[in-house]
N, C-alpha and C. Protein backbone atom coordinates (compact mmCIF):
# COMPACT_ATOMS: atom_id res chain seq x y z
N MET A 1 91.31 127.73 106.49
CA MET A 1 91.42 126.23 106.55
C MET A 1 90.77 125.88 107.90
N ASN A 2 89.98 124.79 107.80
CA ASN A 2 89.44 124.38 109.06
C ASN A 2 90.25 123.09 109.56
N SER A 3 89.96 122.64 110.68
CA SER A 3 90.69 121.71 111.42
C SER A 3 90.73 120.29 110.54
N ASP A 4 89.65 119.95 109.93
CA ASP A 4 89.61 118.84 109.17
C ASP A 4 90.55 118.81 107.95
N ASP A 5 90.76 119.98 107.23
CA ASP A 5 91.70 120.05 106.18
C ASP A 5 93.18 119.91 106.79
N LEU A 6 93.34 120.51 107.83
CA LEU A 6 94.64 120.31 108.51
C LEU A 6 95.02 118.96 108.88
N PHE A 7 94.01 118.22 109.51
CA PHE A 7 94.27 116.81 109.83
C PHE A 7 94.53 115.90 108.63
N ILE A 8 93.76 116.18 107.54
CA ILE A 8 94.05 115.45 106.35
C ILE A 8 95.48 115.80 105.81
N ILE A 9 95.90 116.93 105.72
CA ILE A 9 97.24 117.25 105.33
C ILE A 9 98.37 116.68 106.22
N ALA A 10 98.10 116.76 107.51
CA ALA A 10 98.99 116.20 108.45
C ALA A 10 99.10 114.66 108.36
N MET A 11 97.95 113.98 108.02
CA MET A 11 98.05 112.52 107.82
C MET A 11 98.76 112.16 106.63
N LEU A 12 98.48 112.88 105.52
CA LEU A 12 99.12 112.68 104.30
C LEU A 12 100.70 112.85 104.43
N ILE A 13 101.15 113.92 105.02
CA ILE A 13 102.56 114.18 105.19
C ILE A 13 103.07 113.11 106.13
N GLY A 14 102.50 112.83 107.18
CA GLY A 14 102.85 111.88 108.15
C GLY A 14 103.04 110.54 107.58
N SER A 15 102.15 110.04 106.78
CA SER A 15 102.27 108.66 106.36
C SER A 15 103.36 108.69 105.21
N THR A 16 103.53 109.78 104.40
CA THR A 16 104.61 109.75 103.54
C THR A 16 105.96 109.68 104.19
N VAL A 17 106.11 110.56 105.21
CA VAL A 17 107.48 110.60 105.97
C VAL A 17 107.69 109.24 106.62
N PHE A 18 106.77 108.71 107.34
CA PHE A 18 106.81 107.44 108.01
C PHE A 18 107.25 106.35 107.05
N THR A 19 106.61 106.32 105.85
CA THR A 19 106.95 105.21 104.80
C THR A 19 108.41 105.45 104.38
N GLY A 20 108.84 106.58 104.10
CA GLY A 20 110.17 106.72 103.57
C GLY A 20 111.20 106.53 104.64
N ALA A 21 110.89 106.85 105.98
CA ALA A 21 111.88 106.52 107.03
C ALA A 21 111.99 104.98 107.16
N VAL A 22 110.90 104.32 107.27
CA VAL A 22 110.90 102.83 107.50
C VAL A 22 111.60 102.14 106.36
N ALA A 23 111.35 102.57 105.12
CA ALA A 23 111.88 101.97 103.92
C ALA A 23 113.36 102.12 103.90
N TYR A 24 113.91 103.38 104.29
CA TYR A 24 115.25 103.70 104.32
C TYR A 24 115.93 102.94 105.50
N THR A 25 115.31 102.74 106.52
CA THR A 25 115.87 101.91 107.67
C THR A 25 115.93 100.54 107.29
N CYS A 26 114.82 99.86 106.67
CA CYS A 26 114.79 98.43 106.48
C CYS A 26 115.69 98.00 105.44
N THR A 27 115.85 98.82 104.37
CA THR A 27 116.80 98.45 103.30
C THR A 27 118.34 98.76 103.42
N GLY A 28 118.61 99.18 104.75
CA GLY A 28 120.03 99.69 104.92
C GLY A 28 121.07 98.56 104.90
N ARG A 29 120.74 97.30 105.26
CA ARG A 29 121.66 96.26 105.22
C ARG A 29 122.02 95.78 103.86
N ASP A 30 120.93 95.85 102.91
CA ASP A 30 121.13 95.37 101.48
C ASP A 30 121.47 96.38 100.55
N LEU A 31 121.18 97.54 100.64
CA LEU A 31 121.44 98.63 99.69
C LEU A 31 122.29 99.67 100.23
N ARG A 32 123.08 100.40 99.40
CA ARG A 32 123.98 101.40 99.84
C ARG A 32 123.74 102.62 98.92
N GLY A 33 123.88 103.83 99.50
CA GLY A 33 124.02 104.97 98.72
C GLY A 33 122.76 105.51 98.08
N GLY A 34 122.86 105.77 96.79
CA GLY A 34 121.65 106.29 96.03
C GLY A 34 120.70 105.26 95.83
N TYR A 35 120.93 103.92 95.84
CA TYR A 35 119.90 102.94 95.69
C TYR A 35 118.93 102.99 96.94
N ARG A 36 119.53 103.02 98.07
CA ARG A 36 118.72 103.05 99.31
C ARG A 36 117.79 104.25 99.34
N ILE A 37 118.37 105.48 99.01
CA ILE A 37 117.57 106.74 99.01
C ILE A 37 116.52 106.49 97.93
N SER A 38 116.80 105.97 96.81
CA SER A 38 115.77 105.88 95.68
C SER A 38 114.68 104.93 96.16
N VAL A 39 114.89 103.78 96.71
CA VAL A 39 113.88 102.90 97.07
C VAL A 39 113.01 103.56 98.24
N ALA A 40 113.55 104.25 99.18
CA ALA A 40 112.77 105.05 100.13
C ALA A 40 111.95 106.03 99.51
N LEU A 41 112.45 106.87 98.54
CA LEU A 41 111.68 107.92 97.87
C LEU A 41 110.49 107.18 96.99
N ILE A 42 110.80 106.10 96.37
CA ILE A 42 109.81 105.55 95.61
C ILE A 42 108.65 105.01 96.44
N CYS A 43 108.97 104.37 97.51
CA CYS A 43 107.95 103.75 98.52
C CYS A 43 107.10 105.03 99.00
N ALA A 44 107.78 106.08 99.32
CA ALA A 44 107.10 107.28 100.03
C ALA A 44 106.20 107.90 99.00
N VAL A 45 106.58 108.03 97.76
CA VAL A 45 105.77 108.68 96.73
C VAL A 45 104.54 107.67 96.47
N LEU A 46 104.77 106.50 96.32
CA LEU A 46 103.74 105.54 96.01
C LEU A 46 102.68 105.55 97.04
N VAL A 47 103.03 105.36 98.32
CA VAL A 47 102.09 105.39 99.51
C VAL A 47 101.61 106.67 99.65
N GLY A 48 102.36 107.80 99.58
CA GLY A 48 101.77 109.16 99.69
C GLY A 48 100.67 109.45 98.63
N ALA A 49 100.91 109.05 97.44
CA ALA A 49 99.98 109.34 96.30
C ALA A 49 98.69 108.57 96.58
N THR A 50 98.85 107.30 97.10
CA THR A 50 97.69 106.46 97.32
C THR A 50 96.94 107.00 98.51
N CYS A 51 97.61 107.53 99.53
CA CYS A 51 96.97 107.98 100.80
C CYS A 51 96.16 109.31 100.47
N THR A 52 96.38 109.93 99.31
CA THR A 52 95.65 111.04 98.95
C THR A 52 94.12 110.67 98.72
N PHE A 53 93.89 109.34 98.20
CA PHE A 53 92.59 108.92 98.02
C PHE A 53 91.99 107.95 99.19
N ILE A 54 92.88 107.40 99.76
CA ILE A 54 92.54 106.34 100.84
C ILE A 54 93.25 106.65 102.04
N PRO A 55 92.74 106.96 103.21
CA PRO A 55 93.58 107.56 104.30
C PRO A 55 94.57 106.50 104.98
N TYR A 56 94.16 105.35 105.27
CA TYR A 56 94.97 104.46 106.09
C TYR A 56 95.53 103.14 105.46
N LEU A 57 94.74 102.56 104.56
CA LEU A 57 95.11 101.25 103.98
C LEU A 57 96.46 101.16 103.30
N PRO A 58 96.98 102.18 102.59
CA PRO A 58 98.22 102.10 101.93
C PRO A 58 99.35 101.94 102.99
N VAL A 59 99.20 102.62 104.13
CA VAL A 59 100.28 102.38 105.16
C VAL A 59 100.36 101.02 105.76
N LEU A 60 99.14 100.44 105.82
CA LEU A 60 99.03 99.02 106.31
C LEU A 60 99.62 98.07 105.22
N ALA A 61 99.27 98.32 103.97
CA ALA A 61 99.91 97.50 102.80
C ALA A 61 101.37 97.65 102.85
N PHE A 62 101.85 98.79 103.09
CA PHE A 62 103.35 99.02 103.19
C PHE A 62 103.98 98.28 104.32
N LEU A 63 103.42 98.25 105.50
CA LEU A 63 103.86 97.51 106.66
C LEU A 63 103.92 96.07 106.39
N VAL A 64 102.93 95.58 105.78
CA VAL A 64 102.90 94.11 105.42
C VAL A 64 103.90 93.71 104.45
N THR A 65 104.20 94.68 103.53
CA THR A 65 105.28 94.43 102.49
C THR A 65 106.55 94.54 103.18
N MET A 66 106.76 95.43 104.06
CA MET A 66 108.19 95.51 104.79
C MET A 66 108.47 94.26 105.66
N MET A 67 107.38 93.77 106.25
CA MET A 67 107.53 92.45 107.05
C MET A 67 107.78 91.39 106.09
N ALA A 68 107.18 91.29 104.97
CA ALA A 68 107.47 90.19 103.95
C ALA A 68 108.90 90.37 103.47
N TYR A 69 109.39 91.61 103.20
CA TYR A 69 110.70 91.72 102.68
C TYR A 69 111.69 91.30 103.66
N LEU A 70 111.48 91.71 104.95
CA LEU A 70 112.52 91.32 105.92
C LEU A 70 112.59 89.74 106.03
N VAL A 71 111.41 89.02 105.89
CA VAL A 71 111.48 87.54 105.97
C VAL A 71 112.18 87.03 104.70
N MET A 72 111.79 87.60 103.54
CA MET A 72 112.28 87.04 102.21
C MET A 72 113.68 87.30 102.09
N ARG A 73 114.34 88.31 102.54
CA ARG A 73 115.68 88.58 102.33
C ARG A 73 116.57 87.52 103.13
N ARG A 74 116.03 86.92 104.05
CA ARG A 74 116.75 85.77 104.60
C ARG A 74 116.68 84.52 103.94
N LEU A 75 115.65 84.46 103.07
CA LEU A 75 115.57 83.21 102.34
C LEU A 75 116.06 83.26 100.99
N VAL A 76 116.09 84.26 100.27
CA VAL A 76 116.58 84.46 98.83
C VAL A 76 117.49 85.57 98.96
N SER A 77 118.02 85.99 97.72
CA SER A 77 119.04 87.11 97.59
C SER A 77 118.28 88.44 97.80
N PRO A 78 118.95 89.38 98.32
CA PRO A 78 118.31 90.70 98.56
C PRO A 78 117.57 91.30 97.28
N GLY A 79 118.22 91.04 96.15
CA GLY A 79 117.66 91.63 94.94
C GLY A 79 116.30 90.95 94.58
N ARG A 80 116.18 89.71 94.81
CA ARG A 80 114.98 88.97 94.52
C ARG A 80 113.96 89.32 95.58
N ALA A 81 114.44 89.59 96.86
CA ALA A 81 113.47 89.93 97.91
C ALA A 81 112.94 91.33 97.65
N LEU A 82 113.77 92.21 97.20
CA LEU A 82 113.29 93.61 96.79
C LEU A 82 112.30 93.60 95.74
N ALA A 83 112.62 92.82 94.76
CA ALA A 83 111.60 92.62 93.58
C ALA A 83 110.35 92.13 93.98
N ALA A 84 110.32 91.10 94.70
CA ALA A 84 109.04 90.42 95.30
C ALA A 84 108.34 91.51 96.17
N ALA A 85 109.02 92.33 97.04
CA ALA A 85 108.47 93.26 97.82
C ALA A 85 107.85 94.34 96.93
N ALA A 86 108.39 94.72 95.86
CA ALA A 86 107.86 95.81 94.97
C ALA A 86 106.57 95.32 94.36
N VAL A 87 106.55 94.03 94.01
CA VAL A 87 105.22 93.50 93.40
C VAL A 87 104.16 93.40 94.52
N LEU A 88 104.65 92.98 95.72
CA LEU A 88 103.64 92.95 96.76
C LEU A 88 103.15 94.29 97.21
N LEU A 89 103.97 95.31 97.17
CA LEU A 89 103.55 96.75 97.40
C LEU A 89 102.54 97.20 96.33
N LEU A 90 102.88 96.96 95.08
CA LEU A 90 101.99 97.46 94.20
C LEU A 90 100.62 96.71 94.18
N GLY A 91 100.71 95.35 94.53
CA GLY A 91 99.31 94.70 94.70
C GLY A 91 98.64 95.07 95.89
N GLY A 92 99.34 95.38 96.94
CA GLY A 92 98.53 95.85 98.12
C GLY A 92 97.89 97.27 97.96
N LEU A 93 98.66 98.06 97.26
CA LEU A 93 98.09 99.53 97.01
C LEU A 93 96.95 99.29 96.01
N SER A 94 97.06 98.46 95.02
CA SER A 94 95.87 98.22 94.14
C SER A 94 94.71 97.72 94.81
N CYS A 95 94.92 96.77 95.73
CA CYS A 95 93.78 96.19 96.52
C CYS A 95 93.18 97.22 97.46
N ALA A 96 93.96 98.08 97.92
CA ALA A 96 93.57 99.20 98.89
C ALA A 96 92.45 100.13 97.98
N VAL A 97 93.00 100.36 96.75
CA VAL A 97 92.08 101.25 95.88
C VAL A 97 90.83 100.56 95.52
N LEU A 98 91.00 99.27 95.19
CA LEU A 98 89.78 98.47 94.89
C LEU A 98 88.83 98.41 96.07
N ILE A 99 89.40 98.20 97.26
CA ILE A 99 88.53 98.13 98.45
C ILE A 99 87.69 99.37 98.66
N MET A 100 88.48 100.52 98.47
CA MET A 100 87.83 101.90 98.70
C MET A 100 86.78 102.06 97.56
N ALA A 101 87.15 101.67 96.37
CA ALA A 101 86.18 101.96 95.30
C ALA A 101 84.91 101.10 95.52
N ALA A 102 84.98 99.90 95.90
CA ALA A 102 83.87 98.98 96.33
C ALA A 102 83.05 99.57 97.53
N ALA A 103 83.74 100.12 98.44
CA ALA A 103 83.12 100.76 99.53
C ALA A 103 82.36 102.02 99.23
N LEU A 104 82.88 102.77 98.30
CA LEU A 104 82.21 103.95 97.86
C LEU A 104 81.04 103.69 96.90
N GLU A 105 81.18 102.59 96.17
CA GLU A 105 80.15 102.18 95.22
C GLU A 105 78.87 101.76 95.91
N THR A 106 79.09 101.17 97.12
CA THR A 106 77.93 100.63 97.82
C THR A 106 77.28 101.55 98.73
N MET A 107 77.79 102.87 98.91
CA MET A 107 77.20 103.83 99.82
C MET A 107 75.86 104.47 99.17
């Protein structure tokens, strides 16, 4: 394995662990026990799987989603804020994939 492969693997693992840790921390006030762990794992898997194809955009989409979630949970109930954040995360990951597809198409 060369250094480029190790860098890609480290970035993939790092983004997945970072996403899971941030999601676990941010949902701590609203969710307890297994639900909190489930949300963190789902976020980590979604962002990690998308990072396999796109290096950095999914992490940015996740950070925007978490900021929106932290704002929305003050305005509406935590369940609705979590549902809106899930839709926003899926939309952000989809946009990241479409942006990379358009970039690769024009190369």
